[in-house]
Amino acid sequence: MTDANQHELAQRMAELARTVAGPRSVDEVLTEVSAEAKDLIAGVDAAGVLLIGKGGRFQSVGGTSDLPQRLDELQMRYHEGPCVEAAVDELIVRSDDLRTERRWPMYSAAAAALGVRSALSFKLYTSSQTAGALNLFALEPGAFDAEAETIGAVLAAHAAAAIIASRQSEQLESALSTRDRIGQAKGIIMERYNIDDVAAFDMLRPLS
């Protein structure tokens, strides 16, 4: 990577970091990350993020086209593929030609039939309950190299930060909402039974 490319990457990462920290939804941030991946990494024809929750539930988000979602659906149908492997097990998973790929025979054949030849996936550090991967696809074989892996890893870190920040915000809002409901219930019990707040909370504790 040239000095000029490194400088541009640093500037783009700084701007993306500000995006993650701003008041935007996680879907908006992941869409931005996917768009940056397509723009910054040579050879990328499509990019997106796959999130896998408990029970195998999955979300395909932030796609630069409908192709990532179609590929995610194939991987979840066959329970194999680079995105699933990166989301659950490996840090970085790369395939230089899906037509000759032997690790995921059913998925590879289906993806190649859609014209996809190269794939590069990055594990997202999300939570114990949800796995995720940033996924890049190319219509040409051998599209990705070590530089693509380096830039993709940085983008994946930003995507993971956005997911974690969103979940923390949701948990905080839930906690505040729960606190408000407990306060309202305590007030009703105190008035109805003419007791103080400690006694009212003791009555609520078994229900909580």
N, C-alpha and C. Protein backbone atom coordinates (compact mmCIF):
# COMPACT_ATOMS: atom_id res chain seq x y z
N MET A 1 0.85 -1.19 0.00
CA MET A 1 0.00 0.00 0.00
C MET A 1 0.89 1.24 0.00
N THR A 2 0.64 2.17 -0.94
CA THR A 2 1.45 3.37 -1.03
C THR A 2 1.12 4.33 0.12
N ASP A 3 2.01 5.32 0.32
CA ASP A 3 1.78 6.32 1.36
C ASP A 3 0.48 7.08 1.11
N ALA A 4 0.22 7.38 -0.17
CA ALA A 4 -1.00 8.10 -0.52
C ALA A 4 -2.23 7.28 -0.17
N ASN A 5 -2.16 5.99 -0.47
CA ASN A 5 -3.29 5.11 -0.16
C ASN A 5 -3.49 4.99 1.35
N GLN A 6 -2.38 4.92 2.09
CA GLN A 6 -2.47 4.83 3.54
C GLN A 6 -3.10 6.10 4.11
N HIS A 7 -2.73 7.26 3.56
CA HIS A 7 -3.29 8.52 4.03
C HIS A 7 -4.79 8.58 3.75
N GLU A 8 -5.18 8.17 2.55
CA GLU A 8 -6.60 8.17 2.20
C GLU A 8 -7.37 7.23 3.11
N LEU A 9 -6.80 6.04 3.36
CA LEU A 9 -7.46 5.08 4.22
C LEU A 9 -7.64 5.64 5.62
N ALA A 10 -6.59 6.29 6.15
CA ALA A 10 -6.67 6.87 7.49
C ALA A 10 -7.77 7.93 7.55
N GLN A 11 -7.87 8.76 6.51
CA GLN A 11 -8.91 9.79 6.49
C GLN A 11 -10.30 9.17 6.44
N ARG A 12 -10.45 8.14 5.62
CA ARG A 12 -11.76 7.50 5.49
C ARG A 12 -12.14 6.80 6.79
N MET A 13 -11.17 6.18 7.45
CA MET A 13 -11.45 5.49 8.70
C MET A 13 -11.84 6.49 9.80
N ALA A 14 -11.19 7.65 9.79
CA ALA A 14 -11.52 8.68 10.77
C ALA A 14 -12.95 9.17 10.55
N GLU A 15 -13.32 9.37 9.30
CA GLU A 15 -14.68 9.80 9.00
C GLU A 15 -15.69 8.73 9.38
N LEU A 16 -15.34 7.48 9.13
CA LEU A 16 -16.24 6.37 9.48
C LEU A 16 -16.37 6.25 10.99
N ALA A 17 -15.30 6.50 11.71
CA ALA A 17 -15.36 6.47 13.17
C ALA A 17 -16.32 7.52 13.70
N ARG A 18 -16.31 8.69 13.08
CA ARG A 18 -17.26 9.74 13.48
C ARG A 18 -18.68 9.32 13.16
N THR A 19 -18.85 8.58 12.06
CA THR A 19 -20.17 8.09 11.70
C THR A 19 -20.68 7.11 12.74
N VAL A 20 -19.81 6.20 13.18
CA VAL A 20 -20.19 5.22 14.19
C VAL A 20 -20.60 5.90 15.47
N ALA A 21 -19.88 6.97 15.84
CA ALA A 21 -20.16 7.65 17.10
C ALA A 21 -21.38 8.54 17.03
N GLY A 22 -21.85 8.85 15.84
CA GLY A 22 -22.96 9.78 15.69
C GLY A 22 -24.32 9.13 15.93
N PRO A 23 -25.37 9.97 15.93
CA PRO A 23 -26.74 9.48 16.20
C PRO A 23 -27.36 8.83 14.97
N ARG A 24 -26.85 7.68 14.58
CA ARG A 24 -27.39 6.98 13.42
C ARG A 24 -27.71 5.55 13.81
N SER A 25 -28.64 4.95 13.07
CA SER A 25 -29.01 3.57 13.37
C SER A 25 -27.90 2.62 12.94
N VAL A 26 -27.90 1.43 13.53
CA VAL A 26 -26.86 0.45 13.19
C VAL A 26 -26.97 0.05 11.73
N ASP A 27 -28.19 -0.03 11.18
CA ASP A 27 -28.35 -0.38 9.77
C ASP A 27 -27.70 0.67 8.87
N GLU A 28 -27.85 1.94 9.24
CA GLU A 28 -27.24 3.01 8.44
C GLU A 28 -25.72 2.92 8.48
N VAL A 29 -25.18 2.63 9.65
CA VAL A 29 -23.72 2.54 9.78
C VAL A 29 -23.19 1.34 8.99
N LEU A 30 -23.87 0.20 9.09
CA LEU A 30 -23.41 -0.98 8.37
C LEU A 30 -23.53 -0.79 6.85
N THR A 31 -24.54 -0.07 6.42
CA THR A 31 -24.65 0.26 5.00
C THR A 31 -23.46 1.11 4.56
N GLU A 32 -23.06 2.06 5.43
CA GLU A 32 -21.90 2.90 5.14
C GLU A 32 -20.62 2.08 5.09
N VAL A 33 -20.47 1.14 6.02
CA VAL A 33 -19.28 0.28 6.05
C VAL A 33 -19.19 -0.55 4.76
N SER A 34 -20.31 -1.13 4.36
CA SER A 34 -20.32 -1.93 3.13
C SER A 34 -19.96 -1.08 1.91
N ALA A 35 -20.51 0.12 1.85
CA ALA A 35 -20.21 1.02 0.73
C ALA A 35 -18.73 1.39 0.71
N GLU A 36 -18.16 1.65 1.89
CA GLU A 36 -16.73 1.98 1.97
C GLU A 36 -15.88 0.79 1.53
N ALA A 37 -16.29 -0.41 1.91
CA ALA A 37 -15.55 -1.60 1.50
C ALA A 37 -15.52 -1.73 -0.02
N LYS A 38 -16.66 -1.50 -0.63
CA LYS A 38 -16.75 -1.59 -2.10
C LYS A 38 -15.91 -0.51 -2.77
N ASP A 39 -15.84 0.65 -2.14
CA ASP A 39 -15.12 1.77 -2.72
C ASP A 39 -13.61 1.69 -2.49
N LEU A 40 -13.22 1.20 -1.30
CA LEU A 40 -11.80 1.22 -0.92
C LEU A 40 -11.02 -0.01 -1.38
N ILE A 41 -11.70 -1.14 -1.50
CA ILE A 41 -11.00 -2.39 -1.80
C ILE A 41 -11.19 -2.75 -3.27
N ALA A 42 -10.09 -2.84 -3.97
CA ALA A 42 -10.14 -3.14 -5.40
C ALA A 42 -10.75 -4.52 -5.64
N GLY A 43 -11.60 -4.59 -6.64
CA GLY A 43 -12.18 -5.87 -7.04
C GLY A 43 -13.51 -6.21 -6.42
N VAL A 44 -13.95 -5.47 -5.39
CA VAL A 44 -15.21 -5.79 -4.73
C VAL A 44 -16.38 -5.38 -5.63
N ASP A 45 -17.24 -6.35 -5.93
CA ASP A 45 -18.45 -6.07 -6.71
C ASP A 45 -19.67 -5.93 -5.83
N ALA A 46 -19.64 -6.51 -4.64
CA ALA A 46 -20.76 -6.41 -3.71
C ALA A 46 -20.25 -6.66 -2.30
N ALA A 47 -20.90 -6.02 -1.33
CA ALA A 47 -20.51 -6.19 0.07
C ALA A 47 -21.75 -6.11 0.94
N GLY A 48 -21.67 -6.75 2.11
CA GLY A 48 -22.79 -6.73 3.04
C GLY A 48 -22.38 -7.35 4.36
N VAL A 49 -23.31 -7.36 5.31
CA VAL A 49 -23.06 -7.91 6.63
C VAL A 49 -24.10 -8.98 6.94
N LEU A 50 -23.63 -10.11 7.44
CA LEU A 50 -24.51 -11.21 7.87
C LEU A 50 -24.47 -11.30 9.38
N LEU A 51 -25.64 -11.24 10.02
CA LEU A 51 -25.77 -11.41 11.46
C LEU A 51 -26.55 -12.69 11.73
N ILE A 52 -26.03 -13.53 12.62
CA ILE A 52 -26.67 -14.80 12.95
C ILE A 52 -26.97 -14.81 14.44
N GLY A 53 -28.25 -14.94 14.79
CA GLY A 53 -28.67 -14.95 16.18
C GLY A 53 -28.96 -16.34 16.68
N LYS A 54 -29.52 -16.42 17.88
CA LYS A 54 -29.87 -17.70 18.46
C LYS A 54 -30.90 -18.42 17.60
N GLY A 55 -30.79 -19.72 17.55
CA GLY A 55 -31.73 -20.51 16.77
C GLY A 55 -31.51 -20.42 15.28
N GLY A 56 -30.37 -19.87 14.86
CA GLY A 56 -30.08 -19.78 13.44
C GLY A 56 -30.77 -18.65 12.72
N ARG A 57 -31.45 -17.79 13.46
CA ARG A 57 -32.08 -16.63 12.81
C ARG A 57 -30.99 -15.73 12.24
N PHE A 58 -31.22 -15.21 11.05
CA PHE A 58 -30.18 -14.39 10.45
C PHE A 58 -30.75 -13.13 9.82
N GLN A 59 -29.90 -12.13 9.74
CA GLN A 59 -30.22 -10.88 9.07
C GLN A 59 -29.12 -10.58 8.07
N SER A 60 -29.52 -10.22 6.89
CA SER A 60 -28.57 -9.76 5.88
C SER A 60 -28.78 -8.26 5.75
N VAL A 61 -27.79 -7.47 6.19
CA VAL A 61 -27.98 -6.03 6.29
C VAL A 61 -26.85 -5.29 5.58
N GLY A 62 -27.14 -4.04 5.24
CA GLY A 62 -26.10 -3.16 4.69
C GLY A 62 -25.60 -3.54 3.31
N GLY A 63 -26.34 -4.33 2.57
CA GLY A 63 -25.87 -4.79 1.27
C GLY A 63 -25.77 -3.67 0.25
N THR A 64 -24.73 -3.70 -0.58
CA THR A 64 -24.58 -2.71 -1.64
C THR A 64 -25.45 -3.03 -2.84
N SER A 65 -26.02 -4.24 -2.85
CA SER A 65 -26.97 -4.68 -3.87
C SER A 65 -27.76 -5.83 -3.26
N ASP A 66 -28.60 -6.48 -4.06
CA ASP A 66 -29.34 -7.63 -3.53
C ASP A 66 -28.51 -8.91 -3.53
N LEU A 67 -27.31 -8.87 -4.15
CA LEU A 67 -26.48 -10.07 -4.24
C LEU A 67 -26.05 -10.61 -2.88
N PRO A 68 -25.55 -9.78 -1.93
CA PRO A 68 -25.16 -10.32 -0.63
C PRO A 68 -26.30 -11.04 0.08
N GLN A 69 -27.51 -10.50 0.01
CA GLN A 69 -28.63 -11.17 0.66
C GLN A 69 -28.92 -12.51 0.02
N ARG A 70 -28.86 -12.58 -1.31
CA ARG A 70 -29.08 -13.86 -2.00
C ARG A 70 -28.04 -14.89 -1.59
N LEU A 71 -26.79 -14.45 -1.46
CA LEU A 71 -25.72 -15.35 -1.05
C LEU A 71 -25.87 -15.77 0.42
N ASP A 72 -26.30 -14.83 1.27
CA ASP A 72 -26.54 -15.16 2.68
C ASP A 72 -27.64 -16.20 2.80
N GLU A 73 -28.69 -16.04 2.01
CA GLU A 73 -29.79 -17.00 2.05
C GLU A 73 -29.32 -18.40 1.64
N LEU A 74 -28.43 -18.45 0.65
CA LEU A 74 -27.87 -19.74 0.23
C LEU A 74 -27.05 -20.37 1.35
N GLN A 75 -26.25 -19.55 2.03
CA GLN A 75 -25.41 -20.09 3.10
C GLN A 75 -26.25 -20.60 4.28
N MET A 76 -27.29 -19.89 4.61
CA MET A 76 -28.14 -20.34 5.71
C MET A 76 -28.95 -21.57 5.31
N ARG A 77 -29.27 -21.69 4.02
CA ARG A 77 -29.99 -22.88 3.54
C ARG A 77 -29.09 -24.12 3.62
N TYR A 78 -27.83 -23.95 3.23
CA TYR A 78 -26.93 -25.10 3.19
C TYR A 78 -26.09 -25.23 4.47
N HIS A 79 -26.17 -24.24 5.37
CA HIS A 79 -25.39 -24.24 6.62
C HIS A 79 -23.89 -24.34 6.35
N GLU A 80 -23.44 -23.63 5.33
CA GLU A 80 -22.02 -23.62 5.00
C GLU A 80 -21.72 -22.39 4.15
N GLY A 81 -20.43 -22.02 4.13
CA GLY A 81 -20.01 -20.90 3.31
C GLY A 81 -19.04 -20.00 4.05
N PRO A 82 -18.36 -19.10 3.34
CA PRO A 82 -17.34 -18.25 3.97
C PRO A 82 -17.92 -17.30 5.02
N CYS A 83 -19.10 -16.76 4.78
CA CYS A 83 -19.68 -15.80 5.73
C CYS A 83 -20.06 -16.49 7.03
N VAL A 84 -20.67 -17.68 6.91
CA VAL A 84 -21.05 -18.45 8.10
C VAL A 84 -19.80 -18.86 8.87
N GLU A 85 -18.79 -19.31 8.15
CA GLU A 85 -17.56 -19.76 8.80
C GLU A 85 -16.87 -18.61 9.52
N ALA A 86 -16.83 -17.43 8.89
CA ALA A 86 -16.21 -16.27 9.53
C ALA A 86 -17.04 -15.80 10.72
N ALA A 87 -18.36 -15.82 10.59
CA ALA A 87 -19.24 -15.35 11.67
C ALA A 87 -19.10 -16.22 12.91
N VAL A 88 -18.95 -17.53 12.69
CA VAL A 88 -19.00 -18.46 13.82
C VAL A 88 -17.61 -18.88 14.29
N ASP A 89 -16.68 -19.11 13.38
CA ASP A 89 -15.41 -19.73 13.75
C ASP A 89 -14.16 -18.89 13.46
N GLU A 90 -13.93 -18.60 12.20
CA GLU A 90 -12.64 -18.04 11.79
C GLU A 90 -12.65 -16.50 11.79
N LEU A 91 -11.46 -15.91 11.89
CA LEU A 91 -11.34 -14.46 11.85
C LEU A 91 -11.48 -13.93 10.43
N ILE A 92 -10.76 -14.53 9.50
CA ILE A 92 -10.82 -14.13 8.09
C ILE A 92 -10.93 -15.40 7.25
N VAL A 93 -11.88 -15.39 6.34
CA VAL A 93 -12.07 -16.54 5.44
C VAL A 93 -12.05 -16.03 4.01
N ARG A 94 -11.22 -16.65 3.18
CA ARG A 94 -11.07 -16.19 1.80
C ARG A 94 -11.13 -17.36 0.84
N SER A 95 -11.81 -17.13 -0.26
CA SER A 95 -11.82 -18.11 -1.34
C SER A 95 -11.49 -17.39 -2.64
N ASP A 96 -10.49 -17.91 -3.35
CA ASP A 96 -10.04 -17.25 -4.58
C ASP A 96 -10.82 -17.69 -5.82
N ASP A 97 -11.51 -18.82 -5.73
CA ASP A 97 -12.34 -19.26 -6.86
C ASP A 97 -13.37 -20.26 -6.36
N LEU A 98 -14.61 -19.82 -6.29
CA LEU A 98 -15.68 -20.68 -5.77
C LEU A 98 -15.99 -21.84 -6.72
N ARG A 99 -15.57 -21.75 -7.97
CA ARG A 99 -15.83 -22.85 -8.89
C ARG A 99 -15.03 -24.09 -8.52
N THR A 100 -13.90 -23.89 -7.86
CA THR A 100 -13.05 -25.03 -7.47
C THR A 100 -12.97 -25.19 -5.95
N GLU A 101 -13.79 -24.44 -5.21
CA GLU A 101 -13.78 -24.48 -3.75
C GLU A 101 -14.36 -25.79 -3.24
N ARG A 102 -13.63 -26.45 -2.31
CA ARG A 102 -14.07 -27.75 -1.79
C ARG A 102 -14.57 -27.68 -0.35
N ARG A 103 -14.37 -26.55 0.33
CA ARG A 103 -14.79 -26.45 1.73
C ARG A 103 -16.30 -26.39 1.89
N TRP A 104 -16.99 -25.81 0.92
CA TRP A 104 -18.44 -25.63 1.01
C TRP A 104 -19.05 -26.02 -0.35
N PRO A 105 -19.13 -27.30 -0.63
CA PRO A 105 -19.49 -27.74 -1.99
C PRO A 105 -20.85 -27.26 -2.48
N MET A 106 -21.88 -27.34 -1.63
CA MET A 106 -23.22 -26.95 -2.09
C MET A 106 -23.32 -25.44 -2.28
N TYR A 107 -22.83 -24.70 -1.29
CA TYR A 107 -22.89 -23.25 -1.41
C TYR A 107 -22.04 -22.76 -2.58
N SER A 108 -20.83 -23.28 -2.71
CA SER A 108 -19.91 -22.81 -3.75
C SER A 108 -20.50 -22.98 -5.14
N ALA A 109 -21.14 -24.13 -5.36
CA ALA A 109 -21.75 -24.38 -6.67
C ALA A 109 -22.87 -23.39 -6.94
N ALA A 110 -23.68 -23.12 -5.91
CA ALA A 110 -24.81 -22.20 -6.08
C ALA A 110 -24.32 -20.77 -6.30
N ALA A 111 -23.28 -20.37 -5.54
CA ALA A 111 -22.74 -19.01 -5.68
C ALA A 111 -22.08 -18.83 -7.05
N ALA A 112 -21.35 -19.85 -7.50
CA ALA A 112 -20.71 -19.77 -8.81
C ALA A 112 -21.74 -19.67 -9.92
N ALA A 113 -22.88 -20.32 -9.70
CA ALA A 113 -23.96 -20.24 -10.69
C ALA A 113 -24.52 -18.83 -10.81
N LEU A 114 -24.38 -18.04 -9.74
CA LEU A 114 -24.80 -16.64 -9.77
C LEU A 114 -23.71 -15.73 -10.33
N GLY A 115 -22.56 -16.32 -10.68
CA GLY A 115 -21.48 -15.55 -11.26
C GLY A 115 -20.44 -15.08 -10.27
N VAL A 116 -20.56 -15.47 -9.01
CA VAL A 116 -19.60 -15.04 -7.98
C VAL A 116 -18.41 -15.99 -7.99
N ARG A 117 -17.20 -15.43 -8.01
CA ARG A 117 -16.01 -16.26 -8.07
C ARG A 117 -15.13 -16.13 -6.83
N SER A 118 -15.02 -14.92 -6.28
CA SER A 118 -14.16 -14.69 -5.11
C SER A 118 -15.00 -14.23 -3.92
N ALA A 119 -14.55 -14.62 -2.71
CA ALA A 119 -15.24 -14.22 -1.49
C ALA A 119 -14.22 -13.95 -0.39
N LEU A 120 -14.51 -12.94 0.43
CA LEU A 120 -13.64 -12.59 1.54
C LEU A 120 -14.52 -12.14 2.70
N SER A 121 -14.42 -12.84 3.84
CA SER A 121 -15.30 -12.58 4.98
C SER A 121 -14.49 -12.33 6.24
N PHE A 122 -14.99 -11.42 7.07
CA PHE A 122 -14.31 -11.02 8.30
C PHE A 122 -15.25 -11.19 9.49
N LYS A 123 -14.77 -11.85 10.52
CA LYS A 123 -15.56 -12.02 11.74
C LYS A 123 -15.77 -10.68 12.42
N LEU A 124 -17.01 -10.47 12.90
CA LEU A 124 -17.31 -9.29 13.69
C LEU A 124 -17.39 -9.70 15.14
N TYR A 125 -16.68 -8.99 16.00
CA TYR A 125 -16.77 -9.26 17.44
C TYR A 125 -18.04 -8.58 17.95
N THR A 126 -19.10 -9.34 18.10
CA THR A 126 -20.38 -8.75 18.46
C THR A 126 -20.76 -9.10 19.88
N SER A 127 -21.29 -10.29 20.12
CA SER A 127 -21.68 -10.68 21.47
C SER A 127 -21.75 -12.20 21.54
N SER A 128 -22.01 -12.70 22.75
CA SER A 128 -22.11 -14.15 22.92
C SER A 128 -23.37 -14.71 22.29
N GLN A 129 -24.35 -13.84 22.01
CA GLN A 129 -25.62 -14.30 21.49
C GLN A 129 -25.75 -14.15 19.98
N THR A 130 -24.95 -13.30 19.41
CA THR A 130 -25.04 -13.05 17.97
C THR A 130 -23.67 -13.07 17.33
N ALA A 131 -23.55 -13.80 16.24
CA ALA A 131 -22.33 -13.82 15.45
C ALA A 131 -22.54 -12.96 14.22
N GLY A 132 -21.45 -12.48 13.65
CA GLY A 132 -21.59 -11.64 12.47
C GLY A 132 -20.36 -11.68 11.60
N ALA A 133 -20.54 -11.27 10.34
CA ALA A 133 -19.41 -11.22 9.40
C ALA A 133 -19.64 -10.12 8.38
N LEU A 134 -18.56 -9.40 8.07
CA LEU A 134 -18.54 -8.47 6.95
C LEU A 134 -18.07 -9.26 5.74
N ASN A 135 -18.84 -9.20 4.66
CA ASN A 135 -18.60 -10.09 3.52
C ASN A 135 -18.40 -9.32 2.22
N LEU A 136 -17.35 -9.68 1.50
CA LEU A 136 -17.03 -9.07 0.22
C LEU A 136 -17.08 -10.13 -0.87
N PHE A 137 -17.61 -9.74 -2.03
CA PHE A 137 -17.75 -10.69 -3.14
C PHE A 137 -17.25 -10.05 -4.42
N ALA A 138 -16.70 -10.90 -5.31
CA ALA A 138 -16.21 -10.42 -6.60
C ALA A 138 -16.62 -11.40 -7.69
N LEU A 139 -16.82 -10.86 -8.87
CA LEU A 139 -17.21 -11.69 -10.02
C LEU A 139 -16.00 -12.27 -10.74
N GLU A 140 -14.80 -11.84 -10.33
CA GLU A 140 -13.57 -12.35 -10.93
C GLU A 140 -12.84 -13.25 -9.94
N PRO A 141 -12.13 -14.28 -10.42
CA PRO A 141 -11.35 -15.13 -9.51
C PRO A 141 -10.10 -14.40 -9.03
N GLY A 142 -9.62 -14.78 -7.85
CA GLY A 142 -8.39 -14.20 -7.32
C GLY A 142 -8.46 -12.70 -7.14
N ALA A 143 -9.63 -12.19 -6.76
CA ALA A 143 -9.81 -10.74 -6.70
C ALA A 143 -9.17 -10.10 -5.47
N PHE A 144 -8.95 -10.88 -4.42
CA PHE A 144 -8.52 -10.29 -3.14
C PHE A 144 -7.11 -10.73 -2.75
N ASP A 145 -6.39 -9.79 -2.12
CA ASP A 145 -5.02 -10.05 -1.69
C ASP A 145 -4.83 -9.64 -0.23
N ALA A 146 -3.58 -9.59 0.22
CA ALA A 146 -3.29 -9.25 1.61
C ALA A 146 -3.74 -7.83 1.95
N GLU A 147 -3.61 -6.91 1.00
CA GLU A 147 -4.05 -5.54 1.24
C GLU A 147 -5.56 -5.48 1.46
N ALA A 148 -6.31 -6.27 0.68
CA ALA A 148 -7.76 -6.33 0.85
C ALA A 148 -8.11 -6.86 2.23
N GLU A 149 -7.35 -7.84 2.70
CA GLU A 149 -7.59 -8.39 4.04
C GLU A 149 -7.32 -7.34 5.12
N THR A 150 -6.27 -6.54 4.94
CA THR A 150 -5.93 -5.52 5.93
C THR A 150 -7.02 -4.45 6.02
N ILE A 151 -7.43 -3.92 4.88
CA ILE A 151 -8.46 -2.87 4.87
C ILE A 151 -9.79 -3.44 5.37
N GLY A 152 -10.12 -4.64 4.93
CA GLY A 152 -11.37 -5.26 5.36
C GLY A 152 -11.42 -5.49 6.86
N ALA A 153 -10.29 -5.86 7.45
CA ALA A 153 -10.24 -6.10 8.89
C ALA A 153 -10.53 -4.81 9.67
N VAL A 154 -10.01 -3.68 9.17
CA VAL A 154 -10.26 -2.40 9.82
C VAL A 154 -11.74 -2.03 9.71
N LEU A 155 -12.32 -2.22 8.53
CA LEU A 155 -13.73 -1.93 8.33
C LEU A 155 -14.61 -2.83 9.20
N ALA A 156 -14.22 -4.08 9.34
CA ALA A 156 -14.98 -5.01 10.19
C ALA A 156 -14.98 -4.55 11.64
N ALA A 157 -13.85 -4.00 12.09
CA ALA A 157 -13.79 -3.50 13.46
C ALA A 157 -14.77 -2.35 13.66
N HIS A 158 -14.90 -1.48 12.66
CA HIS A 158 -15.86 -0.38 12.76
C HIS A 158 -17.29 -0.91 12.76
N ALA A 159 -17.56 -1.91 11.92
CA ALA A 159 -18.90 -2.49 11.90
C ALA A 159 -19.25 -3.10 13.25
N ALA A 160 -18.31 -3.81 13.84
CA ALA A 160 -18.54 -4.42 15.15
C ALA A 160 -18.79 -3.35 16.20
N ALA A 161 -18.04 -2.25 16.13
CA ALA A 161 -18.22 -1.16 17.10
C ALA A 161 -19.62 -0.58 16.99
N ALA A 162 -20.12 -0.47 15.77
CA ALA A 162 -21.46 0.07 15.57
C ALA A 162 -22.52 -0.85 16.17
N ILE A 163 -22.35 -2.15 16.00
CA ILE A 163 -23.31 -3.11 16.54
C ILE A 163 -23.30 -3.08 18.06
N ILE A 164 -22.10 -3.09 18.63
CA ILE A 164 -21.98 -3.09 20.09
C ILE A 164 -22.55 -1.80 20.68
N ALA A 165 -22.24 -0.66 20.06
CA ALA A 165 -22.77 0.62 20.55
C ALA A 165 -24.28 0.64 20.49
N SER A 166 -24.84 0.09 19.42
CA SER A 166 -26.29 0.05 19.28
C SER A 166 -26.92 -0.80 20.36
N ARG A 167 -26.32 -1.94 20.64
CA ARG A 167 -26.88 -2.84 21.66
C ARG A 167 -26.78 -2.21 23.04
N GLN A 168 -25.69 -1.53 23.31
CA GLN A 168 -25.55 -0.87 24.61
C GLN A 168 -26.61 0.20 24.78
N SER A 169 -26.90 0.93 23.69
CA SER A 169 -27.92 1.96 23.75
C SER A 169 -29.30 1.34 23.99
N GLU A 170 -29.57 0.23 23.30
CA GLU A 170 -30.85 -0.45 23.49
C GLU A 170 -30.99 -0.97 24.92
N GLN A 171 -29.90 -1.52 25.47
CA GLN A 171 -29.95 -2.03 26.84
C GLN A 171 -30.18 -0.89 27.84
N LEU A 172 -29.55 0.27 27.58
CA LEU A 172 -29.75 1.41 28.47
C LEU A 172 -31.19 1.90 28.42
N GLU A 173 -31.74 1.98 27.20
CA GLU A 173 -33.12 2.42 27.07
C GLU A 173 -34.07 1.45 27.76
N SER A 174 -33.79 0.16 27.64
CA SER A 174 -34.62 -0.85 28.29
C SER A 174 -34.54 -0.72 29.80
N ALA A 175 -33.31 -0.49 30.30
CA ALA A 175 -33.14 -0.36 31.75
C ALA A 175 -33.88 0.87 32.28
N LEU A 176 -33.79 1.99 31.54
CA LEU A 176 -34.47 3.20 31.96
C LEU A 176 -35.99 3.02 31.93
N SER A 177 -36.46 2.33 30.88
CA SER A 177 -37.90 2.08 30.78
C SER A 177 -38.37 1.20 31.93
N THR A 178 -37.58 0.17 32.26
CA THR A 178 -37.93 -0.72 33.37
C THR A 178 -37.95 0.04 34.69
N ARG A 179 -36.96 0.92 34.88
CA ARG A 179 -36.91 1.71 36.10
C ARG A 179 -38.15 2.60 36.23
N ASP A 180 -38.58 3.21 35.13
CA ASP A 180 -39.77 4.05 35.16
C ASP A 180 -41.01 3.25 35.52
N ARG A 181 -41.13 2.04 34.94
CA ARG A 181 -42.31 1.21 35.24
C ARG A 181 -42.32 0.78 36.70
N ILE A 182 -41.14 0.46 37.24
CA ILE A 182 -41.05 0.07 38.66
C ILE A 182 -41.45 1.25 39.54
N GLY A 183 -40.98 2.46 39.18
CA GLY A 183 -41.34 3.65 39.95
C GLY A 183 -42.83 3.90 39.95
N GLN A 184 -43.45 3.72 38.78
CA GLN A 184 -44.90 3.92 38.69
C GLN A 184 -45.64 2.89 39.54
N ALA A 185 -45.18 1.63 39.47
CA ALA A 185 -45.83 0.58 40.25
C ALA A 185 -45.67 0.82 41.74
N LYS A 186 -44.47 1.27 42.14
CA LYS A 186 -44.25 1.57 43.56
C LYS A 186 -45.20 2.66 44.04
N GLY A 187 -45.38 3.69 43.23
CA GLY A 187 -46.27 4.78 43.61
C GLY A 187 -47.70 4.32 43.81
N ILE A 188 -48.16 3.45 42.91
CA ILE A 188 -49.53 2.92 43.03
C ILE A 188 -49.69 2.10 44.30
N ILE A 189 -48.70 1.24 44.58
CA ILE A 189 -48.78 0.38 45.77
C ILE A 189 -48.70 1.21 47.05
N MET A 190 -47.80 2.21 47.06
CA MET A 190 -47.68 3.07 48.25
C MET A 190 -49.00 3.78 48.55
N GLU A 191 -49.66 4.26 47.49
CA GLU A 191 -50.93 4.97 47.69
C GLU A 191 -52.04 4.02 48.12
N ARG A 192 -52.11 2.88 47.47
CA ARG A 192 -53.21 1.95 47.73
C ARG A 192 -53.12 1.33 49.11
N TYR A 193 -51.89 0.97 49.52
CA TYR A 193 -51.74 0.27 50.80
C TYR A 193 -51.20 1.17 51.91
N ASN A 194 -50.99 2.45 51.59
CA ASN A 194 -50.51 3.42 52.58
C ASN A 194 -49.22 2.93 53.25
N ILE A 195 -48.24 2.59 52.44
CA ILE A 195 -46.95 2.12 52.94
C ILE A 195 -45.84 2.96 52.32
N ASP A 196 -44.60 2.82 52.87
CA ASP A 196 -43.50 3.61 52.33
C ASP A 196 -42.90 2.92 51.12
N ASP A 197 -41.90 3.61 50.48
CA ASP A 197 -41.34 3.09 49.24
C ASP A 197 -40.55 1.80 49.44
N VAL A 198 -39.90 1.63 50.61
CA VAL A 198 -39.15 0.40 50.87
C VAL A 198 -40.09 -0.80 50.92
N ALA A 199 -41.20 -0.66 51.62
CA ALA A 199 -42.16 -1.75 51.71
C ALA A 199 -42.78 -2.04 50.35
N ALA A 200 -43.04 -0.97 49.59
CA ALA A 200 -43.61 -1.17 48.25
C ALA A 200 -42.65 -1.93 47.35
N PHE A 201 -41.35 -1.58 47.43
CA PHE A 201 -40.36 -2.29 46.62
C PHE A 201 -40.25 -3.76 47.03
N ASP A 202 -40.35 -4.02 48.35
CA ASP A 202 -40.32 -5.40 48.84
C ASP A 202 -41.47 -6.21 48.26
N MET A 203 -42.63 -5.56 48.08
CA MET A 203 -43.77 -6.25 47.49
C MET A 203 -43.54 -6.52 46.01
N LEU A 204 -42.83 -5.62 45.33
CA LEU A 204 -42.59 -5.77 43.90
C LEU A 204 -41.48 -6.76 43.57
N ARG A 205 -40.53 -6.94 44.51
CA ARG A 205 -39.34 -7.73 44.23
C ARG A 205 -39.67 -9.15 43.73
N PRO A 206 -40.60 -9.91 44.34
CA PRO A 206 -40.90 -11.25 43.84
C PRO A 206 -41.41 -11.24 42.41
N LEU A 207 -42.13 -10.17 42.01
CA LEU A 207 -42.68 -10.10 40.66
C LEU A 207 -41.60 -9.81 39.65
N SER A 208 -40.56 -9.05 40.06
CA SER A 208 -39.49 -8.68 39.12
C SER A 208 -38.60 -9.86 38.80
